[in-house]
Amino acid sequence: WAYHNAAYTLLDAVIESASGMSYNNYFRQKIRDRIGMNGLWI
């Protein structure tokens, strides 16, 4: 076990590849807009 940002960050690429959408768009569609959040991944 090791707290490692790079390995975690590549989950974004996994989701983008699997969904065919940008990470922001998939997040916006599935969580952000459905619960009334604002915000952006940068």
PDB file of all heavy atoms in Angstrom:
ATOM      1  N   TRP A   1       0.854  -1.199   0.000  1.00  0.00           N
ATOM      2  CA  TRP A   1       0.000   0.000   0.000  1.00  0.00           C
ATOM      3  C   TRP A   1       0.881   1.238   0.000  1.00  0.00           C
ATOM      4  O   TRP A   1       1.827   1.339   0.796  1.00  0.00           O
ATOM      5  CB  TRP A   1      -0.908   0.029   1.227  1.00  0.00           C
ATOM      6  CG  TRP A   1      -1.933   1.130   1.176  1.00  0.00           C
ATOM      7  CD1 TRP A   1      -3.199   1.041   0.665  1.00  0.00           C
ATOM      8  CD2 TRP A   1      -1.785   2.482   1.641  1.00  0.00           C
ATOM      9  NE1 TRP A   1      -3.843   2.267   0.767  1.00  0.00           N
ATOM     10  CE2 TRP A   1      -2.992   3.163   1.370  1.00  0.00           C
ATOM     11  CE3 TRP A   1      -0.745   3.191   2.252  1.00  0.00           C
ATOM     12  CZ2 TRP A   1      -3.203   4.516   1.685  1.00  0.00           C
ATOM     13  CZ3 TRP A   1      -0.937   4.542   2.560  1.00  0.00           C
ATOM     14  CH2 TRP A   1      -2.159   5.181   2.284  1.00  0.00           C
ATOM     15  N   ALA A   2       0.600   2.174  -0.878  1.00  0.00           N
ATOM     16  CA  ALA A   2       1.336   3.435  -0.913  1.00  0.00           C
ATOM     17  C   ALA A   2       0.435   4.514  -1.494  1.00  0.00           C
ATOM     18  O   ALA A   2      -0.250   4.297  -2.502  1.00  0.00           O
ATOM     19  CB  ALA A   2       2.612   3.313  -1.743  1.00  0.00           C
ATOM     20  N   TYR A   3       0.445   5.657  -0.867  1.00  0.00           N
ATOM     21  CA  TYR A   3      -0.367   6.803  -1.304  1.00  0.00           C
ATOM     22  C   TYR A   3       0.322   7.437  -2.509  1.00  0.00           C
ATOM     23  O   TYR A   3       1.330   8.118  -2.379  1.00  0.00           O
ATOM     24  CB  TYR A   3      -0.478   7.794  -0.151  1.00  0.00           C
ATOM     25  CG  TYR A   3      -1.536   8.849  -0.330  1.00  0.00           C
ATOM     26  CD1 TYR A   3      -2.871   8.567  -0.050  1.00  0.00           C
ATOM     27  CD2 TYR A   3      -1.190  10.134  -0.742  1.00  0.00           C
ATOM     28  CE1 TYR A   3      -3.845   9.539  -0.190  1.00  0.00           C
ATOM     29  CE2 TYR A   3      -2.160  11.109  -0.888  1.00  0.00           C
ATOM     30  CZ  TYR A   3      -3.481  10.822  -0.610  1.00  0.00           C
ATOM     31  OH  TYR A   3      -4.459  11.798  -0.752  1.00  0.00           O
ATOM     32  N   HIS A   4      -0.223   7.177  -3.705  1.00  0.00           N
ATOM     33  CA  HIS A   4       0.465   7.507  -4.951  1.00  0.00           C
ATOM     34  C   HIS A   4      -0.496   8.217  -5.896  1.00  0.00           C
ATOM     35  O   HIS A   4      -1.411   7.599  -6.451  1.00  0.00           O
ATOM     36  CB  HIS A   4       1.002   6.218  -5.582  1.00  0.00           C
ATOM     37  CG  HIS A   4       1.932   6.454  -6.727  1.00  0.00           C
ATOM     38  ND1 HIS A   4       2.394   5.434  -7.520  1.00  0.00           N
ATOM     39  CD2 HIS A   4       2.490   7.592  -7.224  1.00  0.00           C
ATOM     40  CE1 HIS A   4       3.182   5.929  -8.452  1.00  0.00           C
ATOM     41  NE2 HIS A   4       3.254   7.240  -8.297  1.00  0.00           N
ATOM     42  N   ASN A   5      -0.263   9.513  -6.092  1.00  0.00           N
ATOM     43  CA  ASN A   5      -1.182  10.316  -6.903  1.00  0.00           C
ATOM     44  C   ASN A   5      -1.237   9.893  -8.359  1.00  0.00           C
ATOM     45  O   ASN A   5      -2.317   9.883  -8.968  1.00  0.00           O
ATOM     46  CB  ASN A   5      -0.800  11.793  -6.832  1.00  0.00           C
ATOM     47  CG  ASN A   5      -1.350  12.484  -5.599  1.00  0.00           C
ATOM     48  OD1 ASN A   5      -2.263  11.975  -4.942  1.00  0.00           O
ATOM     49  ND2 ASN A   5      -0.798  13.636  -5.266  1.00  0.00           N
ATOM     50  N   ALA A   6      -0.090   9.586  -8.960  1.00  0.00           N
ATOM     51  CA  ALA A   6      -0.066   9.309 -10.400  1.00  0.00           C
ATOM     52  C   ALA A   6      -0.922   8.107 -10.758  1.00  0.00           C
ATOM     53  O   ALA A   6      -1.710   8.147 -11.721  1.00  0.00           O
ATOM     54  CB  ALA A   6       1.366   9.094 -10.856  1.00  0.00           C
ATOM     55  N   ALA A   7      -0.788   7.038  -9.995  1.00  0.00           N
ATOM     56  CA  ALA A   7      -1.574   5.828 -10.278  1.00  0.00           C
ATOM     57  C   ALA A   7      -3.066   6.104 -10.135  1.00  0.00           C
ATOM     58  O   ALA A   7      -3.880   5.622 -10.939  1.00  0.00           O
ATOM     59  CB  ALA A   7      -1.148   4.712  -9.339  1.00  0.00           C
ATOM     60  N   TYR A   8      -3.435   6.896  -9.120  1.00  0.00           N
ATOM     61  CA  TYR A   8      -4.849   7.274  -8.948  1.00  0.00           C
ATOM     62  C   TYR A   8      -5.333   8.123 -10.111  1.00  0.00           C
ATOM     63  O   TYR A   8      -6.424   7.915 -10.655  1.00  0.00           O
ATOM     64  CB  TYR A   8      -5.021   8.033  -7.623  1.00  0.00           C
ATOM     65  CG  TYR A   8      -5.956   9.208  -7.723  1.00  0.00           C
ATOM     66  CD1 TYR A   8      -7.345   9.013  -7.755  1.00  0.00           C
ATOM     67  CD2 TYR A   8      -5.478  10.512  -7.820  1.00  0.00           C
ATOM     68  CE1 TYR A   8      -8.212  10.083  -7.876  1.00  0.00           C
ATOM     69  CE2 TYR A   8      -6.340  11.584  -7.940  1.00  0.00           C
ATOM     70  CZ  TYR A   8      -7.704  11.376  -7.965  1.00  0.00           C
ATOM     71  OH  TYR A   8      -8.562  12.436  -8.103  1.00  0.00           O
ATOM     72  N   THR A   9      -4.511   9.099 -10.519  1.00  0.00           N
ATOM     73  CA  THR A   9      -4.924  10.046 -11.556  1.00  0.00           C
ATOM     74  C   THR A   9      -5.291   9.350 -12.855  1.00  0.00           C
ATOM     75  O   THR A   9      -6.188   9.801 -13.586  1.00  0.00           O
ATOM     76  CB  THR A   9      -3.807  11.076 -11.809  1.00  0.00           C
ATOM     77  OG1 THR A   9      -3.545  11.797 -10.607  1.00  0.00           O
ATOM     78  CG2 THR A   9      -4.203  12.076 -12.895  1.00  0.00           C
ATOM     79  N   LEU A  10      -4.650   8.242 -13.153  1.00  0.00           N
ATOM     80  CA  LEU A  10      -4.936   7.536 -14.396  1.00  0.00           C
ATOM     81  C   LEU A  10      -6.316   6.884 -14.412  1.00  0.00           C
ATOM     82  O   LEU A  10      -6.745   6.386 -15.462  1.00  0.00           O
ATOM     83  CB  LEU A  10      -3.842   6.511 -14.679  1.00  0.00           C
ATOM     84  CG  LEU A  10      -2.540   7.127 -15.202  1.00  0.00           C
ATOM     85  CD1 LEU A  10      -1.429   6.102 -15.244  1.00  0.00           C
ATOM     86  CD2 LEU A  10      -2.758   7.744 -16.589  1.00  0.00           C
ATOM     87  N   LEU A  11      -7.033   6.903 -13.297  1.00  0.00           N
ATOM     88  CA  LEU A  11      -8.446   6.491 -13.337  1.00  0.00           C
ATOM     89  C   LEU A  11      -9.247   7.413 -14.255  1.00  0.00           C
ATOM     90  O   LEU A  11     -10.236   6.988 -14.861  1.00  0.00           O
ATOM     91  CB  LEU A  11      -9.052   6.507 -11.931  1.00  0.00           C
ATOM     92  CG  LEU A  11      -8.695   5.331 -11.030  1.00  0.00           C
ATOM     93  CD1 LEU A  11      -9.145   5.589  -9.599  1.00  0.00           C
ATOM     94  CD2 LEU A  11      -9.321   4.034 -11.549  1.00  0.00           C
ATOM     95  N   ASP A  12      -8.829   8.676 -14.353  1.00  0.00           N
ATOM     96  CA  ASP A  12      -9.495   9.599 -15.278  1.00  0.00           C
ATOM     97  C   ASP A  12      -9.420   9.067 -16.702  1.00  0.00           C
ATOM     98  O   ASP A  12     -10.416   9.070 -17.444  1.00  0.00           O
ATOM     99  CB  ASP A  12      -8.829  10.978 -15.227  1.00  0.00           C
ATOM    100  CG  ASP A  12      -8.832  11.602 -13.845  1.00  0.00           C
ATOM    101  OD1 ASP A  12      -9.381  10.979 -12.914  1.00  0.00           O
ATOM    102  OD2 ASP A  12      -8.299  12.703 -13.698  1.00  0.00           O
ATOM    103  N   ALA A  13      -8.224   8.597 -17.083  1.00  0.00           N
ATOM    104  CA  ALA A  13      -8.043   8.070 -18.437  1.00  0.00           C
ATOM    105  C   ALA A  13      -8.841   6.789 -18.642  1.00  0.00           C
ATOM    106  O   ALA A  13      -9.383   6.550 -19.737  1.00  0.00           O
ATOM    107  CB  ALA A  13      -6.562   7.813 -18.691  1.00  0.00           C
ATOM    108  N   VAL A  14      -8.936   5.959 -17.613  1.00  0.00           N
ATOM    109  CA  VAL A  14      -9.742   4.740 -17.694  1.00  0.00           C
ATOM    110  C   VAL A  14     -11.195   5.088 -17.992  1.00  0.00           C
ATOM    111  O   VAL A  14     -11.832   4.505 -18.889  1.00  0.00           O
ATOM    112  CB  VAL A  14      -9.640   3.937 -16.367  1.00  0.00           C
ATOM    113  CG1 VAL A  14     -10.685   2.815 -16.333  1.00  0.00           C
ATOM    114  CG2 VAL A  14      -8.246   3.354 -16.201  1.00  0.00           C
ATOM    115  N   ILE A  15     -11.737   6.050 -17.257  1.00  0.00           N
ATOM    116  CA  ILE A  15     -13.145   6.432 -17.439  1.00  0.00           C
ATOM    117  C   ILE A  15     -13.354   7.107 -18.788  1.00  0.00           C
ATOM    118  O   ILE A  15     -14.364   6.858 -19.475  1.00  0.00           O
ATOM    119  CB  ILE A  15     -13.584   7.336 -16.277  1.00  0.00           C
ATOM    120  CG1 ILE A  15     -13.673   6.493 -14.992  1.00  0.00           C
ATOM    121  CG2 ILE A  15     -14.927   8.007 -16.565  1.00  0.00           C
ATOM    122  CD1 ILE A  15     -13.951   7.291 -13.739  1.00  0.00           C
ATOM    123  N   GLU A  16     -12.416   7.956 -19.198  1.00  0.00           N
ATOM    124  CA  GLU A  16     -12.554   8.619 -20.502  1.00  0.00           C
ATOM    125  C   GLU A  16     -12.534   7.591 -21.635  1.00  0.00           C
ATOM    126  O   GLU A  16     -13.352   7.671 -22.565  1.00  0.00           O
ATOM    127  CB  GLU A  16     -11.433   9.641 -20.685  1.00  0.00           C
ATOM    128  CG  GLU A  16     -11.614  10.892 -19.841  1.00  0.00           C
ATOM    129  CD  GLU A  16     -10.534  11.929 -20.083  1.00  0.00           C
ATOM    130  OE1 GLU A  16      -9.402  11.549 -20.487  1.00  0.00           O
ATOM    131  OE2 GLU A  16     -10.806  13.116 -19.868  1.00  0.00           O
ATOM    132  N   SER A  17     -11.610   6.644 -21.566  1.00  0.00           N
ATOM    133  CA  SER A  17     -11.513   5.629 -22.607  1.00  0.00           C
ATOM    134  C   SER A  17     -12.769   4.762 -22.657  1.00  0.00           C
ATOM    135  O   SER A  17     -13.295   4.470 -23.738  1.00  0.00           O
ATOM    136  CB  SER A  17     -10.289   4.751 -22.363  1.00  0.00           C
ATOM    137  OG  SER A  17     -10.243   3.670 -23.264  1.00  0.00           O
ATOM    138  N   ALA A  18     -13.276   4.381 -21.489  1.00  0.00           N
ATOM    139  CA  ALA A  18     -14.438   3.491 -21.437  1.00  0.00           C
ATOM    140  C   ALA A  18     -15.729   4.195 -21.829  1.00  0.00           C
ATOM    141  O   ALA A  18     -16.626   3.583 -22.422  1.00  0.00           O
ATOM    142  CB  ALA A  18     -14.568   2.898 -20.041  1.00  0.00           C
ATOM    143  N   SER A  19     -15.842   5.469 -21.492  1.00  0.00           N
ATOM    144  CA  SER A  19     -17.099   6.204 -21.736  1.00  0.00           C
ATOM    145  C   SER A  19     -17.116   6.926 -23.077  1.00  0.00           C
ATOM    146  O   SER A  19     -18.187   7.263 -23.594  1.00  0.00           O
ATOM    147  CB  SER A  19     -17.333   7.230 -20.623  1.00  0.00           C
ATOM    148  OG  SER A  19     -16.367   8.268 -20.677  1.00  0.00           O
ATOM    149  N   GLY A  20     -15.937   7.198 -23.640  1.00  0.00           N
ATOM    150  CA  GLY A  20     -15.873   7.982 -24.870  1.00  0.00           C
ATOM    151  C   GLY A  20     -16.184   9.449 -24.638  1.00  0.00           C
ATOM    152  O   GLY A  20     -16.473  10.181 -25.592  1.00  0.00           O
ATOM    153  N   MET A  21     -16.133   9.895 -23.388  1.00  0.00           N
ATOM    154  CA  MET A  21     -16.427  11.277 -23.029  1.00  0.00           C
ATOM    155  C   MET A  21     -15.252  11.857 -22.265  1.00  0.00           C
ATOM    156  O   MET A  21     -14.436  11.118 -21.715  1.00  0.00           O
ATOM    157  CB  MET A  21     -17.686  11.344 -22.143  1.00  0.00           C
ATOM    158  CG  MET A  21     -18.940  10.784 -22.780  1.00  0.00           C
ATOM    159  SD  MET A  21     -20.315  10.663 -21.577  1.00  0.00           S
ATOM    160  CE  MET A  21     -20.584  12.403 -21.225  1.00  0.00           C
ATOM    161  N   SER A  22     -15.176  13.188 -22.244  1.00  0.00           N
ATOM    162  CA  SER A  22     -14.179  13.804 -21.378  1.00  0.00           C
ATOM    163  C   SER A  22     -14.547  13.524 -19.925  1.00  0.00           C
ATOM    164  O   SER A  22     -15.713  13.288 -19.595  1.00  0.00           O
ATOM    165  CB  SER A  22     -14.111  15.315 -21.616  1.00  0.00           C
ATOM    166  OG  SER A  22     -15.265  15.954 -21.070  1.00  0.00           O
ATOM    167  N   TYR A  23     -13.545  13.549 -19.073  1.00  0.00           N
ATOM    168  CA  TYR A  23     -13.793  13.268 -17.653  1.00  0.00           C
ATOM    169  C   TYR A  23     -14.779  14.277 -17.063  1.00  0.00           C
ATOM    170  O   TYR A  23     -15.693  13.913 -16.320  1.00  0.00           O
ATOM    171  CB  TYR A  23     -12.470  13.296 -16.892  1.00  0.00           C
ATOM    172  CG  TYR A  23     -12.583  12.767 -15.484  1.00  0.00           C
ATOM    173  CD1 TYR A  23     -12.755  11.409 -15.247  1.00  0.00           C
ATOM    174  CD2 TYR A  23     -12.525  13.619 -14.387  1.00  0.00           C
ATOM    175  CE1 TYR A  23     -12.862  10.908 -13.960  1.00  0.00           C
ATOM    176  CE2 TYR A  23     -12.623  13.126 -13.098  1.00  0.00           C
ATOM    177  CZ  TYR A  23     -12.793  11.776 -12.884  1.00  0.00           C
ATOM    178  OH  TYR A  23     -12.902  11.289 -11.613  1.00  0.00           O
ATOM    179  N   ASN A  24     -14.601  15.558 -17.410  1.00  0.00           N
ATOM    180  CA  ASN A  24     -15.519  16.584 -16.919  1.00  0.00           C
ATOM    181  C   ASN A  24     -16.951  16.336 -17.365  1.00  0.00           C
ATOM    182  O   ASN A  24     -17.890  16.464 -16.580  1.00  0.00           O
ATOM    183  CB  ASN A  24     -15.066  17.972 -17.380  1.00  0.00           C
ATOM    184  CG  ASN A  24     -14.294  18.725 -16.309  1.00  0.00           C
ATOM    185  OD1 ASN A  24     -14.729  18.832 -15.165  1.00  0.00           O
ATOM    186  ND2 ASN A  24     -13.137  19.251 -16.691  1.00  0.00           N
ATOM    187  N   ASN A  25     -17.127  15.968 -18.633  1.00  0.00           N
ATOM    188  CA  ASN A  25     -18.488  15.763 -19.140  1.00  0.00           C
ATOM    189  C   ASN A  25     -19.158  14.554 -18.501  1.00  0.00           C
ATOM    190  O   ASN A  25     -20.347  14.594 -18.175  1.00  0.00           O
ATOM    191  CB  ASN A  25     -18.469  15.617 -20.666  1.00  0.00           C
ATOM    192  CG  ASN A  25     -18.301  16.945 -21.366  1.00  0.00           C
ATOM    193  OD1 ASN A  25     -18.491  18.009 -20.770  1.00  0.00           O
ATOM    194  ND2 ASN A  25     -17.925  16.908 -22.638  1.00  0.00           N
ATOM    195  N   TYR A  26     -18.401  13.474 -18.333  1.00  0.00           N
ATOM    196  CA  TYR A  26     -18.989  12.292 -17.701  1.00  0.00           C
ATOM    197  C   TYR A  26     -19.345  12.591 -16.247  1.00  0.00           C
ATOM    198  O   TYR A  26     -20.424  12.223 -15.771  1.00  0.00           O
ATOM    199  CB  TYR A  26     -18.017  11.110 -17.785  1.00  0.00           C
ATOM    200  CG  TYR A  26     -18.628   9.788 -17.371  1.00  0.00           C
ATOM    201  CD1 TYR A  26     -19.572   9.148 -18.186  1.00  0.00           C
ATOM    202  CD2 TYR A  26     -18.270   9.173 -16.175  1.00  0.00           C
ATOM    203  CE1 TYR A  26     -20.145   7.937 -17.805  1.00  0.00           C
ATOM    204  CE2 TYR A  26     -18.828   7.963 -15.793  1.00  0.00           C
ATOM    205  CZ  TYR A  26     -19.770   7.354 -16.611  1.00  0.00           C
ATOM    206  OH  TYR A  26     -20.341   6.153 -16.235  1.00  0.00           O
ATOM    207  N   PHE A  27     -18.454  13.280 -15.553  1.00  0.00           N
ATOM    208  CA  PHE A  27     -18.723  13.647 -14.159  1.00  0.00           C
ATOM    209  C   PHE A  27     -19.927  14.578 -14.059  1.00  0.00           C
ATOM    210  O   PHE A  27     -20.784  14.416 -13.187  1.00  0.00           O
ATOM    211  CB  PHE A  27     -17.490  14.323 -13.550  1.00  0.00           C
ATOM    212  CG  PHE A  27     -17.731  14.860 -12.179  1.00  0.00           C
ATOM    213  CD1 PHE A  27     -17.758  14.014 -11.079  1.00  0.00           C
ATOM    214  CD2 PHE A  27     -17.959  16.215 -11.970  1.00  0.00           C
ATOM    215  CE1 PHE A  27     -18.009  14.501  -9.807  1.00  0.00           C
ATOM    216  CE2 PHE A  27     -18.200  16.711 -10.706  1.00  0.00           C
ATOM    217  CZ  PHE A  27     -18.226  15.857  -9.620  1.00  0.00           C
ATOM    218  N   ARG A  28     -19.995  15.556 -14.952  1.00  0.00           N
ATOM    219  CA  ARG A  28     -21.113  16.515 -14.937  1.00  0.00           C
ATOM    220  C   ARG A  28     -22.442  15.796 -15.146  1.00  0.00           C
ATOM    221  O   ARG A  28     -23.425  16.070 -14.459  1.00  0.00           O
ATOM    222  CB  ARG A  28     -20.886  17.557 -16.027  1.00  0.00           C
ATOM    223  CG  ARG A  28     -21.898  18.699 -16.032  1.00  0.00           C
ATOM    224  CD  ARG A  28     -21.613  19.668 -17.166  1.00  0.00           C
ATOM    225  NE  ARG A  28     -20.284  20.249 -17.045  1.00  0.00           N
ATOM    226  CZ  ARG A  28     -19.333  20.128 -17.953  1.00  0.00           C
ATOM    227  NH1 ARG A  28     -19.548  19.419 -19.061  1.00  0.00           N
ATOM    228  NH2 ARG A  28     -18.157  20.698 -17.768  1.00  0.00           N
ATOM    229  N   GLN A  29     -22.447  14.872 -16.097  1.00  0.00           N
ATOM    230  CA  GLN A  29     -23.682  14.157 -16.431  1.00  0.00           C
ATOM    231  C   GLN A  29     -24.110  13.191 -15.328  1.00  0.00           C
ATOM    232  O   GLN A  29     -25.301  13.054 -15.034  1.00  0.00           O
ATOM    233  CB  GLN A  29     -23.479  13.391 -17.743  1.00  0.00           C
ATOM    234  CG  GLN A  29     -24.686  12.623 -18.240  1.00  0.00           C
ATOM    235  CD  GLN A  29     -24.360  11.792 -19.463  1.00  0.00           C
ATOM    236  OE1 GLN A  29     -24.318  10.569 -19.436  1.00  0.00           O
ATOM    237  NE2 GLN A  29     -24.100  12.473 -20.574  1.00  0.00           N
ATOM    238  N   LYS A  30     -23.147  12.544 -14.690  1.00  0.00           N
ATOM    239  CA  LYS A  30     -23.469  11.451 -13.766  1.00  0.00           C
ATOM    240  C   LYS A  30     -23.593  11.890 -12.306  1.00  0.00           C
ATOM    241  O   LYS A  30     -24.323  11.258 -11.537  1.00  0.00           O
ATOM    242  CB  LYS A  30     -22.415  10.350 -13.876  1.00  0.00           C
ATOM    243  CG  LYS A  30     -22.374   9.670 -15.232  1.00  0.00           C
ATOM    244  CD  LYS A  30     -23.688   8.940 -15.512  1.00  0.00           C
ATOM    245  CE  LYS A  30     -23.676   8.254 -16.863  1.00  0.00           C
ATOM    246  NZ  LYS A  30     -24.935   7.480 -17.098  1.00  0.00           N
ATOM    247  N   ILE A  31     -22.903  12.956 -11.918  1.00  0.00           N
ATOM    248  CA  ILE A  31     -22.953  13.381 -10.514  1.00  0.00           C
ATOM    249  C   ILE A  31     -23.299  14.856 -10.375  1.00  0.00           C
ATOM    250  O   ILE A  31     -24.313  15.210  -9.763  1.00  0.00           O
ATOM    251  CB  ILE A  31     -21.612  13.107  -9.788  1.00  0.00           C
ATOM    252  CG1 ILE A  31     -21.286  11.611  -9.774  1.00  0.00           C
ATOM    253  CG2 ILE A  31     -21.675  13.632  -8.343  1.00  0.00           C
ATOM    254  CD1 ILE A  31     -19.949  11.271  -9.122  1.00  0.00           C
ATOM    255  N   ARG A  32     -22.464  15.719 -10.924  1.00  0.00           N
ATOM    256  CA  ARG A  32     -22.566  17.149 -10.625  1.00  0.00           C
ATOM    257  C   ARG A  32     -23.959  17.719 -10.833  1.00  0.00           C
ATOM    258  O   ARG A  32     -24.569  18.283  -9.925  1.00  0.00           O
ATOM    259  CB  ARG A  32     -21.551  17.940 -11.461  1.00  0.00           C
ATOM    260  CG  ARG A  32     -21.327  19.347 -10.952  1.00  0.00           C
ATOM    261  CD  ARG A  32     -20.649  20.236 -11.985  1.00  0.00           C
ATOM    262  NE  ARG A  32     -21.607  20.692 -12.984  1.00  0.00           N
ATOM    263  CZ  ARG A  32     -21.365  21.661 -13.859  1.00  0.00           C
ATOM    264  NH1 ARG A  32     -20.182  22.262 -13.869  1.00  0.00           N
ATOM    265  NH2 ARG A  32     -22.277  22.018 -14.738  1.00  0.00           N
ATOM    266  N   ASP A  33     -24.479  17.583 -12.075  1.00  0.00           N
ATOM    267  CA  ASP A  33     -25.761  18.199 -12.381  1.00  0.00           C
ATOM    268  C   ASP A  33     -26.931  17.487 -11.710  1.00  0.00           C
ATOM    269  O   ASP A  33     -27.994  18.094 -11.497  1.00  0.00           O
ATOM    270  CB  ASP A  33     -25.979  18.237 -13.897  1.00  0.00           C
ATOM    271  CG  ASP A  33     -25.011  19.175 -14.591  1.00  0.00           C
ATOM    272  OD1 ASP A  33     -24.278  19.907 -13.876  1.00  0.00           O
ATOM    273  OD2 ASP A  33     -24.954  19.172 -15.835  1.00  0.00           O
ATOM    274  N   ARG A  34     -26.759  16.226 -11.365  1.00  0.00           N
ATOM    275  CA  ARG A  34     -27.855  15.462 -10.763  1.00  0.00           C
ATOM    276  C   ARG A  34     -28.080  15.801  -9.298  1.00  0.00           C
ATOM    277  O   ARG A  34     -29.160  15.549  -8.764  1.00  0.00           O
ATOM    278  CB  ARG A  34     -27.600  13.963 -10.929  1.00  0.00           C
ATOM    279  CG  ARG A  34     -27.538  13.510 -12.381  1.00  0.00           C
ATOM    280  CD  ARG A  34     -27.461  12.002 -12.479  1.00  0.00           C
ATOM    281  NE  ARG A  34     -28.706  11.362 -12.095  1.00  0.00           N
ATOM    282  CZ  ARG A  34     -28.865  10.067 -11.888  1.00  0.00           C
ATOM    283  NH1 ARG A  34     -27.818   9.261 -12.006  1.00  0.00           N
ATOM    284  NH2 ARG A  34     -30.023   9.570 -11.535  1.00  0.00           N
ATOM    285  N   ILE A  35     -27.050  16.351  -8.640  1.00  0.00           N
ATOM    286  CA  ILE A  35     -27.229  16.699  -7.226  1.00  0.00           C
ATOM    287  C   ILE A  35     -27.069  18.201  -6.971  1.00  0.00           C
ATOM    288  O   ILE A  35     -27.057  18.635  -5.822  1.00  0.00           O
ATOM    289  CB  ILE A  35     -26.286  15.897  -6.315  1.00  0.00           C
ATOM    290  CG1 ILE A  35     -24.830  16.293  -6.496  1.00  0.00           C
ATOM    291  CG2 ILE A  35     -26.446  14.396  -6.561  1.00  0.00           C
ATOM    292  CD1 ILE A  35     -23.889  15.665  -5.462  1.00  0.00           C
ATOM    293  N   GLY A  36     -26.946  18.980  -8.048  1.00  0.00           N
ATOM    294  CA  GLY A  36     -26.941  20.437  -7.904  1.00  0.00           C
ATOM    295  C   GLY A  36     -25.613  21.046  -7.511  1.00  0.00           C
ATOM    296  O   GLY A  36     -25.568  22.154  -6.977  1.00  0.00           O
ATOM    297  N   MET A  37     -24.517  20.335  -7.782  1.00  0.00           N
ATOM    298  CA  MET A  37     -23.194  20.901  -7.503  1.00  0.00           C
ATOM    299  C   MET A  37     -22.814  21.922  -8.570  1.00  0.00           C
ATOM    300  O   MET A  37     -23.397  21.956  -9.653  1.00  0.00           O
ATOM    301  CB  MET A  37     -22.132  19.791  -7.499  1.00  0.00           C
ATOM    302  CG  MET A  37     -22.239  18.787  -6.378  1.00  0.00           C
ATOM    303  SD  MET A  37     -21.039  17.426  -6.576  1.00  0.00           S
ATOM    304  CE  MET A  37     -19.479  18.301  -6.327  1.00  0.00           C
ATOM    305  N   ASN A  38     -21.817  22.736  -8.254  1.00  0.00           N
ATOM    306  CA  ASN A  38     -21.115  23.485  -9.287  1.00  0.00           C
ATOM    307  C   ASN A  38     -19.704  22.916  -9.348  1.00  0.00           C
ATOM    308  O   ASN A  38     -19.385  21.956  -8.647  1.00  0.00           O
ATOM    309  CB  ASN A  38     -21.102  24.990  -8.972  1.00  0.00           C
ATOM    310  CG  ASN A  38     -19.978  25.361  -7.995  1.00  0.00           C
ATOM    311  OD1 ASN A  38     -19.751  24.676  -6.995  1.00  0.00           O
ATOM    312  ND2 ASN A  38     -19.268  26.441  -8.283  1.00  0.00           N
ATOM    313  N   GLY A  39     -18.853  23.478 -10.179  1.00  0.00           N
ATOM    314  CA  GLY A  39     -17.457  23.073 -10.139  1.00  0.00           C
ATOM    315  C   GLY A  39     -16.935  22.460 -11.418  1.00  0.00           C
ATOM    316  O   GLY A  39     -17.677  22.179 -12.364  1.00  0.00           O
ATOM    317  N   LEU A  40     -15.618  22.232 -11.418  1.00  0.00           N
ATOM    318  CA  LEU A  40     -14.912  21.795 -12.616  1.00  0.00           C
ATOM    319  C   LEU A  40     -13.625  21.089 -12.222  1.00  0.00           C
ATOM    320  O   LEU A  40     -12.946  21.478 -11.262  1.00  0.00           O
ATOM    321  CB  LEU A  40     -14.572  23.029 -13.466  1.00  0.00           C
ATOM    322  CG  LEU A  40     -13.985  22.815 -14.853  1.00  0.00           C
ATOM    323  CD1 LEU A  40     -15.047  22.243 -15.796  1.00  0.00           C
ATOM    324  CD2 LEU A  40     -13.460  24.148 -15.397  1.00  0.00           C
ATOM    325  N   TRP A  41     -13.293  20.031 -12.986  1.00  0.00           N
ATOM    326  CA  TRP A  41     -11.990  19.384 -12.855  1.00  0.00           C
ATOM    327  C   TRP A  41     -10.987  20.140 -13.711  1.00  0.00           C
ATOM    328  O   TRP A  41     -11.245  20.411 -14.893  1.00  0.00           O
ATOM    329  CB  TRP A  41     -12.049  17.936 -13.316  1.00  0.00           C
ATOM    330  CG  TRP A  41     -12.838  17.033 -12.417  1.00  0.00           C
ATOM    331  CD1 TRP A  41     -14.154  16.720 -12.522  1.00  0.00           C
ATOM    332  CD2 TRP A  41     -12.344  16.336 -11.263  1.00  0.00           C
ATOM    333  NE1 TRP A  41     -14.529  15.869 -11.506  1.00  0.00           N
ATOM    334  CE2 TRP A  41     -13.438  15.612 -10.717  1.00  0.00           C
ATOM    335  CE3 TRP A  41     -11.097  16.246 -10.643  1.00  0.00           C
ATOM    336  CZ2 TRP A  41     -13.313  14.816  -9.587  1.00  0.00           C
ATOM    337  CZ3 TRP A  41     -10.968  15.449  -9.518  1.00  0.00           C
ATOM    338  CH2 TRP A  41     -12.069  14.745  -8.998  1.00  0.00           C
ATOM    339  N   ILE A  42      -9.851  20.499 -13.138  1.00  0.00           N
ATOM    340  CA  ILE A  42      -8.828  21.271 -13.851  1.00  0.00           C
ATOM    341  C   ILE A  42      -7.499  20.538 -13.767  1.00  0.00           C
ATOM    342  O   ILE A  42      -7.058  20.133 -12.685  1.00  0.00           O
ATOM    343  CB  ILE A  42      -8.691  22.690 -13.258  1.00  0.00           C
ATOM    344  CG1 ILE A  42     -10.011  23.458 -13.436  1.00  0.00           C
ATOM    345  CG2 ILE A  42      -7.544  23.448 -13.917  1.00  0.00           C
ATOM    346  CD1 ILE A  42     -10.009  24.828 -12.780  1.00  0.00           C
TER     347      ILE A  42
END
